Amino acid sequence: MPAESLSLNRRHAVYAGSFDPLSLGHLDVIRRGVSLFDRITVAIGINPAKSPLFSHQERLSIIREVVAPLPRVEVACFEGLAVNFLRSIGAGVMLRGLRTLTDIESEFTMTLANHALDPDIETVFLMASEGYSHISSSLIKQVALLGQEGQEESLAKFVPPAVILALRNKLRVRPSMPASPA
């Protein structure tokens, strides 16, 4: 075993993603990860090629609020390759959530690439709990954008309360629909 791999902590997992926004599925993976690892870092990837709904600072704030009651969970932002971020903080495990067969295919490809980049970092997959396998950020955004006033009940099926508030504040200024001719 190379000397540099000794510095990686296999009891410290990083759950990396865009989390735009954080869903109940993400939160489920974090909670389950806490029972498996001594420490979880939720790592918000900053990709300048994407246009997220929430800035990385907003996501950082929202996620910190949501995970505050959970022990041994921290939140950070990173740029660049996830494996480089893991190594920089001494974490030895990449935690990933899987929802569908499509996820498995793309995650398998990503895991092979990550292993080629840093063979000392392991990847651990958690299957989505049954009630969360259908949740995606695009679904959440669609419900938030197209939902009616008082949509909190609908959104509560997909995201934690702090995310509902952030979505409502972010999307409060919506263009009004033109009146249909009489």
N, C-alpha and C. Protein backbone atom coordinates (compact mmCIF):
# COMPACT_ATOMS: atom_id res chain seq x y z
N MET A 1 0.85 -1.18 0.00
CA MET A 1 0.00 0.00 0.00
C MET A 1 0.89 1.24 0.00
N PRO A 2 0.66 2.16 -0.93
CA PRO A 2 1.48 3.36 -0.98
C PRO A 2 1.35 4.17 0.30
N ALA A 3 2.43 4.83 0.67
CA ALA A 3 2.43 5.63 1.90
C ALA A 3 1.36 6.71 1.87
N GLU A 4 1.13 7.31 0.69
CA GLU A 4 0.14 8.40 0.62
C GLU A 4 -1.27 7.92 0.92
N SER A 5 -1.59 6.64 0.66
CA SER A 5 -2.94 6.15 0.91
C SER A 5 -3.20 5.95 2.39
N LEU A 6 -2.11 5.87 3.20
CA LEU A 6 -2.29 5.71 4.64
C LEU A 6 -2.96 6.93 5.25
N SER A 7 -2.83 8.09 4.60
CA SER A 7 -3.41 9.31 5.15
C SER A 7 -4.92 9.42 4.88
N LEU A 8 -5.46 8.54 4.04
CA LEU A 8 -6.89 8.58 3.75
C LEU A 8 -7.68 7.84 4.82
N ASN A 9 -8.72 8.47 5.29
CA ASN A 9 -9.55 7.91 6.35
C ASN A 9 -10.75 7.19 5.72
N ARG A 10 -10.78 5.88 5.84
CA ARG A 10 -11.87 5.07 5.28
C ARG A 10 -13.15 5.17 6.10
N ARG A 11 -13.12 5.88 7.21
CA ARG A 11 -14.32 6.10 8.02
C ARG A 11 -14.90 7.49 7.74
N HIS A 12 -14.27 8.20 6.79
CA HIS A 12 -14.75 9.54 6.39
C HIS A 12 -15.20 9.44 4.94
N ALA A 13 -16.51 9.64 4.73
CA ALA A 13 -17.07 9.56 3.38
C ALA A 13 -17.48 10.95 2.91
N VAL A 14 -17.36 11.14 1.61
CA VAL A 14 -17.79 12.39 0.98
C VAL A 14 -18.94 12.06 0.04
N TYR A 15 -20.04 12.78 0.22
CA TYR A 15 -21.21 12.66 -0.65
C TYR A 15 -21.22 13.91 -1.51
N ALA A 16 -20.74 13.77 -2.75
CA ALA A 16 -20.59 14.92 -3.64
C ALA A 16 -21.72 14.99 -4.64
N GLY A 17 -22.10 16.20 -4.98
CA GLY A 17 -23.15 16.41 -5.97
C GLY A 17 -23.42 17.89 -6.14
N SER A 18 -24.40 18.19 -6.99
CA SER A 18 -24.77 19.61 -7.18
C SER A 18 -25.80 20.03 -6.14
N PHE A 19 -26.66 19.11 -5.70
CA PHE A 19 -27.67 19.39 -4.67
C PHE A 19 -28.43 20.68 -4.97
N ASP A 20 -28.96 20.75 -6.19
CA ASP A 20 -29.66 21.96 -6.64
C ASP A 20 -31.10 21.65 -7.02
N PRO A 21 -31.96 21.48 -6.04
CA PRO A 21 -31.78 21.63 -4.61
C PRO A 21 -31.59 20.27 -3.91
N LEU A 22 -31.30 20.33 -2.63
CA LEU A 22 -31.22 19.14 -1.78
C LEU A 22 -32.62 18.52 -1.70
N SER A 23 -32.70 17.21 -1.94
CA SER A 23 -33.99 16.52 -1.89
C SER A 23 -34.08 15.62 -0.66
N LEU A 24 -35.26 15.10 -0.42
CA LEU A 24 -35.42 14.11 0.66
C LEU A 24 -34.62 12.85 0.36
N GLY A 25 -34.43 12.53 -0.92
CA GLY A 25 -33.59 11.40 -1.30
C GLY A 25 -32.14 11.63 -0.90
N HIS A 26 -31.63 12.83 -1.16
CA HIS A 26 -30.27 13.17 -0.72
C HIS A 26 -30.16 13.06 0.79
N LEU A 27 -31.14 13.62 1.48
CA LEU A 27 -31.12 13.60 2.95
C LEU A 27 -31.17 12.17 3.47
N ASP A 28 -31.90 11.31 2.82
CA ASP A 28 -31.95 9.89 3.21
C ASP A 28 -30.57 9.25 3.09
N VAL A 29 -29.86 9.51 2.01
CA VAL A 29 -28.51 8.96 1.83
C VAL A 29 -27.58 9.50 2.92
N ILE A 30 -27.69 10.79 3.23
CA ILE A 30 -26.85 11.38 4.29
C ILE A 30 -27.14 10.72 5.62
N ARG A 31 -28.41 10.59 5.97
CA ARG A 31 -28.77 9.96 7.26
C ARG A 31 -28.27 8.53 7.35
N ARG A 32 -28.44 7.78 6.28
CA ARG A 32 -27.98 6.39 6.28
C ARG A 32 -26.47 6.32 6.30
N GLY A 33 -25.82 7.27 5.63
CA GLY A 33 -24.36 7.32 5.64
C GLY A 33 -23.79 7.57 7.02
N VAL A 34 -24.49 8.40 7.81
CA VAL A 34 -24.04 8.69 9.17
C VAL A 34 -23.99 7.41 10.02
N SER A 35 -24.88 6.47 9.74
CA SER A 35 -24.87 5.22 10.51
C SER A 35 -23.74 4.28 10.06
N LEU A 36 -23.15 4.55 8.90
CA LEU A 36 -22.09 3.69 8.37
C LEU A 36 -20.68 4.25 8.56
N PHE A 37 -20.56 5.57 8.61
CA PHE A 37 -19.26 6.22 8.65
C PHE A 37 -19.14 7.11 9.88
N ASP A 38 -17.91 7.36 10.29
CA ASP A 38 -17.67 8.24 11.44
C ASP A 38 -17.92 9.70 11.09
N ARG A 39 -17.77 10.01 9.81
CA ARG A 39 -17.87 11.41 9.39
C ARG A 39 -18.35 11.45 7.94
N ILE A 40 -19.26 12.37 7.65
CA ILE A 40 -19.76 12.58 6.29
C ILE A 40 -19.53 14.04 5.93
N THR A 41 -18.96 14.25 4.76
CA THR A 41 -18.87 15.61 4.21
C THR A 41 -19.77 15.66 2.99
N VAL A 42 -20.76 16.54 3.05
CA VAL A 42 -21.60 16.80 1.88
C VAL A 42 -20.86 17.85 1.08
N ALA A 43 -20.45 17.46 -0.13
CA ALA A 43 -19.59 18.32 -0.94
C ALA A 43 -20.35 18.84 -2.16
N ILE A 44 -20.55 20.13 -2.19
CA ILE A 44 -21.28 20.78 -3.27
C ILE A 44 -20.30 21.11 -4.39
N GLY A 45 -20.48 20.45 -5.51
CA GLY A 45 -19.60 20.70 -6.64
C GLY A 45 -19.96 21.98 -7.36
N ILE A 46 -18.96 22.79 -7.63
CA ILE A 46 -19.16 24.04 -8.37
C ILE A 46 -18.69 23.80 -9.79
N ASN A 47 -19.65 23.82 -10.72
CA ASN A 47 -19.34 23.59 -12.12
C ASN A 47 -19.68 24.87 -12.89
N PRO A 48 -18.65 25.62 -13.32
CA PRO A 48 -18.91 26.88 -14.00
C PRO A 48 -19.66 26.72 -15.32
N ALA A 49 -19.70 25.50 -15.86
CA ALA A 49 -20.41 25.27 -17.13
C ALA A 49 -21.91 25.11 -16.92
N LYS A 50 -22.35 24.99 -15.68
CA LYS A 50 -23.78 24.81 -15.40
C LYS A 50 -24.37 26.10 -14.84
N SER A 51 -25.68 26.21 -14.99
CA SER A 51 -26.41 27.36 -14.44
C SER A 51 -27.41 26.86 -13.41
N PRO A 52 -26.97 26.70 -12.17
CA PRO A 52 -27.87 26.18 -11.15
C PRO A 52 -28.92 27.21 -10.73
N LEU A 53 -30.01 26.71 -10.18
CA LEU A 53 -31.05 27.58 -9.66
C LEU A 53 -30.52 28.36 -8.46
N PHE A 54 -29.81 27.65 -7.56
CA PHE A 54 -29.25 28.27 -6.36
C PHE A 54 -27.74 28.42 -6.51
N SER A 55 -27.20 29.53 -6.05
CA SER A 55 -25.75 29.71 -6.06
C SER A 55 -25.13 28.70 -5.10
N HIS A 56 -23.83 28.49 -5.21
CA HIS A 56 -23.19 27.54 -4.30
C HIS A 56 -23.28 28.05 -2.85
N GLN A 57 -23.24 29.36 -2.64
CA GLN A 57 -23.37 29.90 -1.29
C GLN A 57 -24.76 29.63 -0.73
N GLU A 58 -25.79 29.77 -1.57
CA GLU A 58 -27.16 29.48 -1.12
C GLU A 58 -27.32 28.00 -0.78
N ARG A 59 -26.79 27.13 -1.65
CA ARG A 59 -26.87 25.69 -1.38
C ARG A 59 -26.13 25.33 -0.10
N LEU A 60 -24.98 25.93 0.10
CA LEU A 60 -24.20 25.69 1.31
C LEU A 60 -25.02 26.04 2.55
N SER A 61 -25.63 27.20 2.53
CA SER A 61 -26.43 27.67 3.66
C SER A 61 -27.65 26.77 3.91
N ILE A 62 -28.37 26.44 2.85
CA ILE A 62 -29.56 25.60 2.98
C ILE A 62 -29.19 24.22 3.53
N ILE A 63 -28.16 23.61 2.95
CA ILE A 63 -27.80 22.25 3.37
C ILE A 63 -27.28 22.26 4.80
N ARG A 64 -26.50 23.26 5.17
CA ARG A 64 -26.04 23.34 6.57
C ARG A 64 -27.22 23.41 7.53
N GLU A 65 -28.23 24.18 7.16
CA GLU A 65 -29.42 24.28 8.02
C GLU A 65 -30.11 22.92 8.13
N VAL A 66 -30.27 22.23 7.03
CA VAL A 66 -30.99 20.95 7.02
C VAL A 66 -30.24 19.87 7.80
N VAL A 67 -28.91 19.81 7.65
CA VAL A 67 -28.15 18.72 8.30
C VAL A 67 -27.67 19.09 9.70
N ALA A 68 -27.94 20.30 10.17
CA ALA A 68 -27.48 20.74 11.49
C ALA A 68 -27.81 19.74 12.60
N PRO A 69 -28.99 19.11 12.61
CA PRO A 69 -29.29 18.16 13.70
C PRO A 69 -28.53 16.83 13.60
N LEU A 70 -27.92 16.56 12.46
CA LEU A 70 -27.25 15.28 12.27
C LEU A 70 -25.82 15.34 12.82
N PRO A 71 -25.44 14.33 13.58
CA PRO A 71 -24.07 14.32 14.11
C PRO A 71 -23.05 13.99 13.03
N ARG A 72 -21.88 14.58 13.14
CA ARG A 72 -20.73 14.23 12.31
C ARG A 72 -20.92 14.50 10.82
N VAL A 73 -21.78 15.48 10.50
CA VAL A 73 -21.98 15.86 9.09
C VAL A 73 -21.53 17.30 8.91
N GLU A 74 -20.71 17.51 7.89
CA GLU A 74 -20.28 18.86 7.56
C GLU A 74 -20.58 19.11 6.09
N VAL A 75 -20.56 20.36 5.70
CA VAL A 75 -20.89 20.73 4.33
C VAL A 75 -19.78 21.65 3.81
N ALA A 76 -19.37 21.40 2.56
CA ALA A 76 -18.32 22.21 1.95
C ALA A 76 -18.59 22.33 0.46
N CYS A 77 -17.96 23.29 -0.17
CA CYS A 77 -18.00 23.44 -1.62
C CYS A 77 -16.63 23.09 -2.18
N PHE A 78 -16.62 22.62 -3.42
CA PHE A 78 -15.34 22.33 -4.06
C PHE A 78 -15.46 22.59 -5.55
N GLU A 79 -14.30 22.85 -6.15
CA GLU A 79 -14.20 22.98 -7.60
C GLU A 79 -13.24 21.91 -8.08
N GLY A 80 -13.42 21.48 -9.31
CA GLY A 80 -12.52 20.48 -9.86
C GLY A 80 -13.02 19.07 -9.64
N LEU A 81 -12.09 18.13 -9.67
CA LEU A 81 -12.44 16.71 -9.55
C LEU A 81 -12.77 16.33 -8.11
N ALA A 82 -13.80 15.53 -7.96
CA ALA A 82 -14.21 15.08 -6.62
C ALA A 82 -13.10 14.29 -5.94
N VAL A 83 -12.40 13.43 -6.68
CA VAL A 83 -11.33 12.64 -6.05
C VAL A 83 -10.23 13.54 -5.50
N ASN A 84 -9.95 14.64 -6.16
CA ASN A 84 -8.95 15.58 -5.64
C ASN A 84 -9.45 16.23 -4.35
N PHE A 85 -10.74 16.55 -4.31
CA PHE A 85 -11.31 17.11 -3.08
C PHE A 85 -11.22 16.10 -1.94
N LEU A 86 -11.59 14.85 -2.20
CA LEU A 86 -11.50 13.82 -1.16
C LEU A 86 -10.08 13.74 -0.61
N ARG A 87 -9.12 13.65 -1.50
CA ARG A 87 -7.72 13.54 -1.06
C ARG A 87 -7.32 14.77 -0.26
N SER A 88 -7.78 15.96 -0.67
CA SER A 88 -7.38 17.19 0.02
C SER A 88 -7.88 17.24 1.46
N ILE A 89 -8.98 16.56 1.75
CA ILE A 89 -9.50 16.55 3.13
C ILE A 89 -9.23 15.23 3.84
N GLY A 90 -8.53 14.31 3.16
CA GLY A 90 -8.15 13.05 3.79
C GLY A 90 -9.24 12.00 3.84
N ALA A 91 -10.31 12.19 3.08
CA ALA A 91 -11.41 11.21 3.07
C ALA A 91 -11.06 10.06 2.13
N GLY A 92 -11.44 8.85 2.52
CA GLY A 92 -11.10 7.68 1.72
C GLY A 92 -12.25 7.03 0.99
N VAL A 93 -13.48 7.58 1.16
CA VAL A 93 -14.65 6.94 0.56
C VAL A 93 -15.52 7.98 -0.12
N MET A 94 -15.93 7.66 -1.34
CA MET A 94 -16.91 8.46 -2.09
C MET A 94 -18.26 7.76 -1.88
N LEU A 95 -19.20 8.46 -1.29
CA LEU A 95 -20.55 7.93 -1.06
C LEU A 95 -21.43 8.39 -2.21
N ARG A 96 -22.16 7.45 -2.80
CA ARG A 96 -23.04 7.78 -3.93
C ARG A 96 -24.41 7.15 -3.71
N GLY A 97 -25.45 7.84 -4.15
CA GLY A 97 -26.80 7.32 -4.09
C GLY A 97 -27.24 6.86 -5.47
N LEU A 98 -28.00 5.79 -5.51
CA LEU A 98 -28.52 5.26 -6.77
C LEU A 98 -30.03 5.22 -6.72
N ARG A 99 -30.68 5.72 -7.78
CA ARG A 99 -32.14 5.71 -7.85
C ARG A 99 -32.65 4.70 -8.86
N THR A 100 -32.06 4.68 -10.04
CA THR A 100 -32.61 3.89 -11.15
C THR A 100 -31.50 3.12 -11.86
N LEU A 101 -31.91 2.28 -12.81
CA LEU A 101 -30.93 1.56 -13.61
C LEU A 101 -30.07 2.52 -14.42
N THR A 102 -30.63 3.62 -14.85
CA THR A 102 -29.87 4.63 -15.58
C THR A 102 -28.76 5.19 -14.68
N ASP A 103 -29.08 5.43 -13.42
CA ASP A 103 -28.07 5.89 -12.47
C ASP A 103 -26.92 4.89 -12.37
N ILE A 104 -27.25 3.61 -12.33
CA ILE A 104 -26.22 2.58 -12.17
C ILE A 104 -25.23 2.65 -13.32
N GLU A 105 -25.73 2.79 -14.52
CA GLU A 105 -24.85 2.86 -15.68
C GLU A 105 -23.91 4.06 -15.62
N SER A 106 -24.46 5.24 -15.35
CA SER A 106 -23.61 6.43 -15.31
C SER A 106 -22.67 6.42 -14.10
N GLU A 107 -23.16 5.93 -12.96
CA GLU A 107 -22.32 5.86 -11.76
C GLU A 107 -21.18 4.85 -11.95
N PHE A 108 -21.45 3.76 -12.64
CA PHE A 108 -20.41 2.76 -12.91
C PHE A 108 -19.29 3.40 -13.73
N THR A 109 -19.65 4.14 -14.76
CA THR A 109 -18.66 4.82 -15.59
C THR A 109 -17.86 5.82 -14.77
N MET A 110 -18.55 6.60 -13.93
CA MET A 110 -17.87 7.59 -13.10
C MET A 110 -16.94 6.91 -12.09
N THR A 111 -17.38 5.80 -11.53
CA THR A 111 -16.55 5.08 -10.56
C THR A 111 -15.28 4.55 -11.21
N LEU A 112 -15.40 4.03 -12.41
CA LEU A 112 -14.20 3.54 -13.12
C LEU A 112 -13.23 4.69 -13.38
N ALA A 113 -13.75 5.84 -13.78
CA ALA A 113 -12.90 7.01 -14.02
C ALA A 113 -12.24 7.47 -12.72
N ASN A 114 -13.01 7.54 -11.64
CA ASN A 114 -12.47 7.96 -10.35
C ASN A 114 -11.39 6.99 -9.88
N HIS A 115 -11.62 5.70 -10.09
CA HIS A 115 -10.63 4.70 -9.68
C HIS A 115 -9.34 4.84 -10.50
N ALA A 116 -9.47 5.17 -11.77
CA ALA A 116 -8.29 5.39 -12.61
C ALA A 116 -7.53 6.63 -12.13
N LEU A 117 -8.27 7.66 -11.69
CA LEU A 117 -7.64 8.90 -11.23
C LEU A 117 -7.00 8.73 -9.85
N ASP A 118 -7.64 7.95 -8.97
CA ASP A 118 -7.11 7.73 -7.62
C ASP A 118 -7.58 6.38 -7.09
N PRO A 119 -6.78 5.33 -7.31
CA PRO A 119 -7.20 3.98 -6.91
C PRO A 119 -7.31 3.77 -5.41
N ASP A 120 -6.83 4.72 -4.61
CA ASP A 120 -6.92 4.57 -3.15
C ASP A 120 -8.28 4.99 -2.59
N ILE A 121 -9.09 5.66 -3.40
CA ILE A 121 -10.42 6.10 -2.94
C ILE A 121 -11.44 5.07 -3.36
N GLU A 122 -12.20 4.59 -2.38
CA GLU A 122 -13.25 3.61 -2.62
C GLU A 122 -14.58 4.33 -2.85
N THR A 123 -15.47 3.67 -3.57
CA THR A 123 -16.82 4.20 -3.78
C THR A 123 -17.82 3.23 -3.15
N VAL A 124 -18.73 3.77 -2.37
CA VAL A 124 -19.79 2.98 -1.73
C VAL A 124 -21.13 3.53 -2.23
N PHE A 125 -21.99 2.61 -2.68
CA PHE A 125 -23.29 2.99 -3.20
C PHE A 125 -24.39 2.64 -2.21
N LEU A 126 -25.34 3.54 -2.06
CA LEU A 126 -26.56 3.26 -1.31
C LEU A 126 -27.73 3.39 -2.26
N MET A 127 -28.55 2.36 -2.32
CA MET A 127 -29.75 2.41 -3.15
C MET A 127 -30.74 3.37 -2.50
N ALA A 128 -31.45 4.09 -3.31
CA ALA A 128 -32.48 5.00 -2.80
C ALA A 128 -33.55 4.20 -2.08
N SER A 129 -34.01 4.74 -0.99
CA SER A 129 -35.15 4.13 -0.31
C SER A 129 -36.35 4.21 -1.25
N GLU A 130 -37.24 3.27 -1.13
CA GLU A 130 -38.37 3.14 -2.05
C GLU A 130 -39.13 4.44 -2.29
N GLY A 131 -39.36 5.18 -1.25
CA GLY A 131 -40.15 6.40 -1.37
C GLY A 131 -39.44 7.56 -2.05
N TYR A 132 -38.14 7.41 -2.33
CA TYR A 132 -37.38 8.52 -2.88
C TYR A 132 -36.79 8.24 -4.26
N SER A 133 -36.98 7.06 -4.80
CA SER A 133 -36.31 6.70 -6.05
C SER A 133 -36.80 7.50 -7.27
N HIS A 134 -37.94 8.13 -7.16
CA HIS A 134 -38.48 8.90 -8.28
C HIS A 134 -38.12 10.38 -8.23
N ILE A 135 -37.50 10.83 -7.16
CA ILE A 135 -37.24 12.26 -6.98
C ILE A 135 -35.98 12.68 -7.74
N SER A 136 -36.12 13.76 -8.50
CA SER A 136 -34.98 14.35 -9.20
C SER A 136 -35.06 15.86 -9.05
N SER A 137 -33.94 16.53 -9.27
CA SER A 137 -33.96 17.99 -9.15
C SER A 137 -34.86 18.61 -10.21
N SER A 138 -34.92 18.00 -11.40
CA SER A 138 -35.79 18.56 -12.44
C SER A 138 -37.26 18.43 -12.05
N LEU A 139 -37.63 17.32 -11.40
CA LEU A 139 -39.00 17.15 -10.92
C LEU A 139 -39.33 18.22 -9.86
N ILE A 140 -38.41 18.41 -8.93
CA ILE A 140 -38.62 19.40 -7.86
C ILE A 140 -38.81 20.80 -8.46
N LYS A 141 -37.96 21.15 -9.40
CA LYS A 141 -38.04 22.49 -10.02
C LYS A 141 -39.35 22.65 -10.79
N GLN A 142 -39.78 21.58 -11.45
CA GLN A 142 -41.02 21.64 -12.21
C GLN A 142 -42.21 21.84 -11.27
N VAL A 143 -42.25 21.11 -10.17
CA VAL A 143 -43.34 21.27 -9.20
C VAL A 143 -43.32 22.68 -8.62
N ALA A 144 -42.11 23.16 -8.31
CA ALA A 144 -41.99 24.50 -7.72
C ALA A 144 -42.41 25.59 -8.71
N LEU A 145 -42.03 25.44 -9.98
CA LEU A 145 -42.35 26.45 -10.98
C LEU A 145 -43.80 26.41 -11.44
N LEU A 146 -44.32 25.22 -11.60
CA LEU A 146 -45.66 25.08 -12.18
C LEU A 146 -46.76 24.88 -11.16
N GLY A 147 -46.37 24.68 -9.92
CA GLY A 147 -47.36 24.45 -8.87
C GLY A 147 -48.18 25.70 -8.59
N GLN A 148 -49.27 25.49 -7.94
CA GLN A 148 -50.16 26.60 -7.59
C GLN A 148 -49.69 27.23 -6.29
N GLU A 149 -50.31 28.36 -5.96
CA GLU A 149 -50.06 28.99 -4.67
C GLU A 149 -50.35 27.96 -3.58
N GLY A 150 -49.61 28.02 -2.49
CA GLY A 150 -49.80 27.05 -1.42
C GLY A 150 -49.27 25.68 -1.78
N GLN A 151 -48.23 25.63 -2.60
CA GLN A 151 -47.69 24.37 -3.08
C GLN A 151 -46.80 23.67 -2.06
N GLU A 152 -46.69 24.21 -0.85
CA GLU A 152 -45.81 23.64 0.16
C GLU A 152 -46.12 22.16 0.41
N GLU A 153 -47.40 21.82 0.40
CA GLU A 153 -47.80 20.43 0.64
C GLU A 153 -47.25 19.50 -0.45
N SER A 154 -47.29 19.94 -1.69
CA SER A 154 -46.74 19.15 -2.78
C SER A 154 -45.22 19.05 -2.68
N LEU A 155 -44.56 20.17 -2.45
CA LEU A 155 -43.10 20.17 -2.36
C LEU A 155 -42.60 19.36 -1.16
N ALA A 156 -43.38 19.32 -0.08
CA ALA A 156 -42.98 18.60 1.12
C ALA A 156 -42.80 17.10 0.86
N LYS A 157 -43.33 16.60 -0.24
CA LYS A 157 -43.15 15.19 -0.60
C LYS A 157 -41.77 14.95 -1.19
N PHE A 158 -41.06 16.04 -1.55
CA PHE A 158 -39.79 15.92 -2.26
C PHE A 158 -38.60 16.56 -1.56
N VAL A 159 -38.83 17.61 -0.78
CA VAL A 159 -37.72 18.36 -0.19
C VAL A 159 -37.98 18.70 1.28
N PRO A 160 -36.91 18.93 2.06
CA PRO A 160 -37.09 19.36 3.45
C PRO A 160 -37.69 20.77 3.52
N PRO A 161 -38.27 21.13 4.66
CA PRO A 161 -38.92 22.44 4.81
C PRO A 161 -38.02 23.63 4.46
N ALA A 162 -36.75 23.60 4.82
CA ALA A 162 -35.85 24.72 4.51
C ALA A 162 -35.71 24.92 3.00
N VAL A 163 -35.80 23.85 2.26
CA VAL A 163 -35.69 23.95 0.80
C VAL A 163 -36.98 24.53 0.23
N ILE A 164 -38.12 24.18 0.81
CA ILE A 164 -39.39 24.75 0.36
C ILE A 164 -39.34 26.27 0.49
N LEU A 165 -38.88 26.73 1.63
CA LEU A 165 -38.79 28.17 1.87
C LEU A 165 -37.84 28.83 0.86
N ALA A 166 -36.70 28.20 0.63
CA ALA A 166 -35.72 28.76 -0.32
C ALA A 166 -36.29 28.78 -1.74
N LEU A 167 -36.98 27.71 -2.12
CA LEU A 167 -37.60 27.67 -3.46
C LEU A 167 -38.66 28.77 -3.60
N ARG A 168 -39.47 28.90 -2.57
CA ARG A 168 -40.52 29.93 -2.60
C ARG A 168 -39.90 31.32 -2.73
N ASN A 169 -38.84 31.59 -1.97
CA ASN A 169 -38.18 32.90 -2.05
C ASN A 169 -37.50 33.11 -3.39
N LYS A 170 -36.88 32.08 -3.91
CA LYS A 170 -36.15 32.19 -5.18
C LYS A 170 -37.11 32.40 -6.35
N LEU A 171 -38.25 31.73 -6.31
CA LEU A 171 -39.16 31.75 -7.45
C LEU A 171 -40.35 32.68 -7.26
N ARG A 172 -40.31 33.50 -6.24
CA ARG A 172 -41.47 34.34 -5.93
C ARG A 172 -41.80 35.32 -7.03
N VAL A 173 -40.81 35.78 -7.75
CA VAL A 173 -41.06 36.71 -8.84
C VAL A 173 -41.21 35.89 -10.11
N ARG A 174 -42.43 35.57 -10.42
CA ARG A 174 -42.71 34.82 -11.66
C ARG A 174 -43.50 35.72 -12.59
N PRO A 175 -43.21 35.61 -13.86
CA PRO A 175 -43.99 36.43 -14.79
C PRO A 175 -45.45 36.05 -14.72
N SER A 176 -46.31 37.04 -14.75
CA SER A 176 -47.73 36.73 -14.71
C SER A 176 -48.18 36.30 -16.09
N MET A 177 -49.16 35.44 -16.10
CA MET A 177 -49.69 34.93 -17.36
C MET A 177 -50.59 36.01 -17.97
N PRO A 178 -50.49 36.22 -19.27
CA PRO A 178 -51.37 37.21 -19.89
C PRO A 178 -52.82 36.76 -19.78
N ALA A 179 -53.68 37.71 -19.58
CA ALA A 179 -55.11 37.37 -19.49
C ALA A 179 -55.60 36.88 -20.85
N SER A 180 -56.40 35.84 -20.79
CA SER A 180 -56.94 35.33 -22.07
C SER A 180 -58.06 36.25 -22.54
N PRO A 181 -58.13 36.44 -23.84
CA PRO A 181 -59.18 37.34 -24.37
C PRO A 181 -60.57 36.79 -24.06
N ALA A 182 -61.47 37.69 -23.79
CA ALA A 182 -62.84 37.28 -23.44
C ALA A 182 -63.66 36.95 -24.64
